[in-house]
Amino acid sequence: MEDVMKIDPVVGETLLRLQEIVNKKHEIEKDQTLSPVEKSKKIQELTFKVIFSCRKFSLNLNYRDRVLK
């Protein structure tokens, strides 16, 4: 996971948050004090926010060099 954070911090952070949700789901499933209905409700209440990132980059296109005929 650390390698992903170095390459793309946004993707790395998203993966860490997703792992947290997975861990919470496992905790709920293992909780023997909850009924199946309570477990289902708590799992449905878990939320995950996806962070999208758009990067700008240059294609270095120079239209002045093109000759239109």
Protein backbone atom coordinates (compact mmCIF):
# COMPACT_ATOMS: atom_id res chain seq x y z
CA MET A 1 0.00 0.00 0.00
CA GLU A 2 2.89 2.35 0.70
CA ASP A 3 4.13 1.95 -2.87
CA VAL A 4 0.73 3.00 -4.21
CA MET A 5 0.76 6.06 -1.94
CA LYS A 6 4.13 7.08 -3.39
CA ILE A 7 2.98 6.63 -6.98
CA ASP A 8 -0.50 8.11 -6.62
CA PRO A 9 -1.50 9.54 -3.23
CA VAL A 10 -5.16 9.89 -4.23
CA VAL A 11 -5.49 6.24 -5.24
CA GLY A 12 -3.52 5.20 -2.16
CA GLU A 13 -5.82 7.18 0.15
CA THR A 14 -8.87 5.72 -1.58
CA LEU A 15 -7.55 2.18 -1.08
CA LEU A 16 -6.83 2.86 2.59
CA ARG A 17 -10.37 4.14 3.14
CA LEU A 18 -11.79 1.13 1.31
CA GLN A 19 -9.76 -1.19 3.55
CA GLU A 20 -11.16 0.60 6.61
CA ILE A 21 -14.70 -0.08 5.38
CA VAL A 22 -13.86 -3.74 4.78
CA ASN A 23 -12.41 -4.00 8.30
CA LYS A 24 -15.54 -2.40 9.82
CA LYS A 25 -17.74 -4.84 7.89
CA HIS A 26 -15.75 -7.80 9.23
CA GLU A 27 -16.06 -6.43 12.79
CA ILE A 28 -19.84 -6.17 12.40
CA GLU A 29 -20.08 -9.69 10.98
CA LYS A 30 -18.08 -11.11 13.91
CA ASP A 31 -20.07 -9.25 16.58
CA GLN A 32 -22.09 -11.96 18.32
CA THR A 33 -24.10 -9.44 20.31
CA LEU A 34 -25.89 -8.29 17.14
CA SER A 35 -28.81 -10.07 15.52
CA PRO A 36 -28.66 -10.82 11.79
CA VAL A 37 -31.06 -7.94 11.16
CA GLU A 38 -28.89 -5.54 13.19
CA LYS A 39 -25.78 -6.71 11.37
CA SER A 40 -27.43 -6.19 8.01
CA LYS A 41 -28.57 -2.70 8.99
CA LYS A 42 -25.13 -1.67 10.25
CA ILE A 43 -23.45 -3.02 7.12
CA GLN A 44 -25.88 -1.11 4.91
CA GLU A 45 -25.05 2.07 6.83
CA LEU A 46 -21.36 1.81 5.94
CA THR A 47 -20.39 4.46 3.43
CA PHE A 48 -17.43 4.93 1.19
CA LYS A 49 -16.51 8.16 -0.52
CA VAL A 50 -14.59 7.82 -3.76
CA ILE A 51 -12.13 10.58 -4.55
CA PHE A 52 -11.71 11.25 -8.24
CA SER A 53 -8.73 13.11 -9.58
CA CYS A 54 -8.23 14.56 -13.00
CA ARG A 55 -4.73 15.42 -13.96
CA LYS A 56 -3.89 18.02 -16.54
CA PHE A 57 -1.18 17.24 -18.99
CA SER A 58 0.10 18.70 -22.17
CA LEU A 59 0.01 16.83 -25.45
CA ASN A 60 2.47 19.36 -26.90
CA LEU A 61 0.37 19.75 -30.01
CA ASN A 62 1.37 22.64 -32.18
CA TYR A 63 -1.22 23.34 -34.82
CA ARG A 64 0.81 26.11 -36.42
CA ASP A 65 3.14 23.48 -37.83
CA ARG A 66 0.30 21.82 -39.75
CA VAL A 67 -0.39 22.92 -43.27
CA LEU A 68 -4.01 22.90 -44.27
CA LYS A 69 -4.64 22.26 -47.95
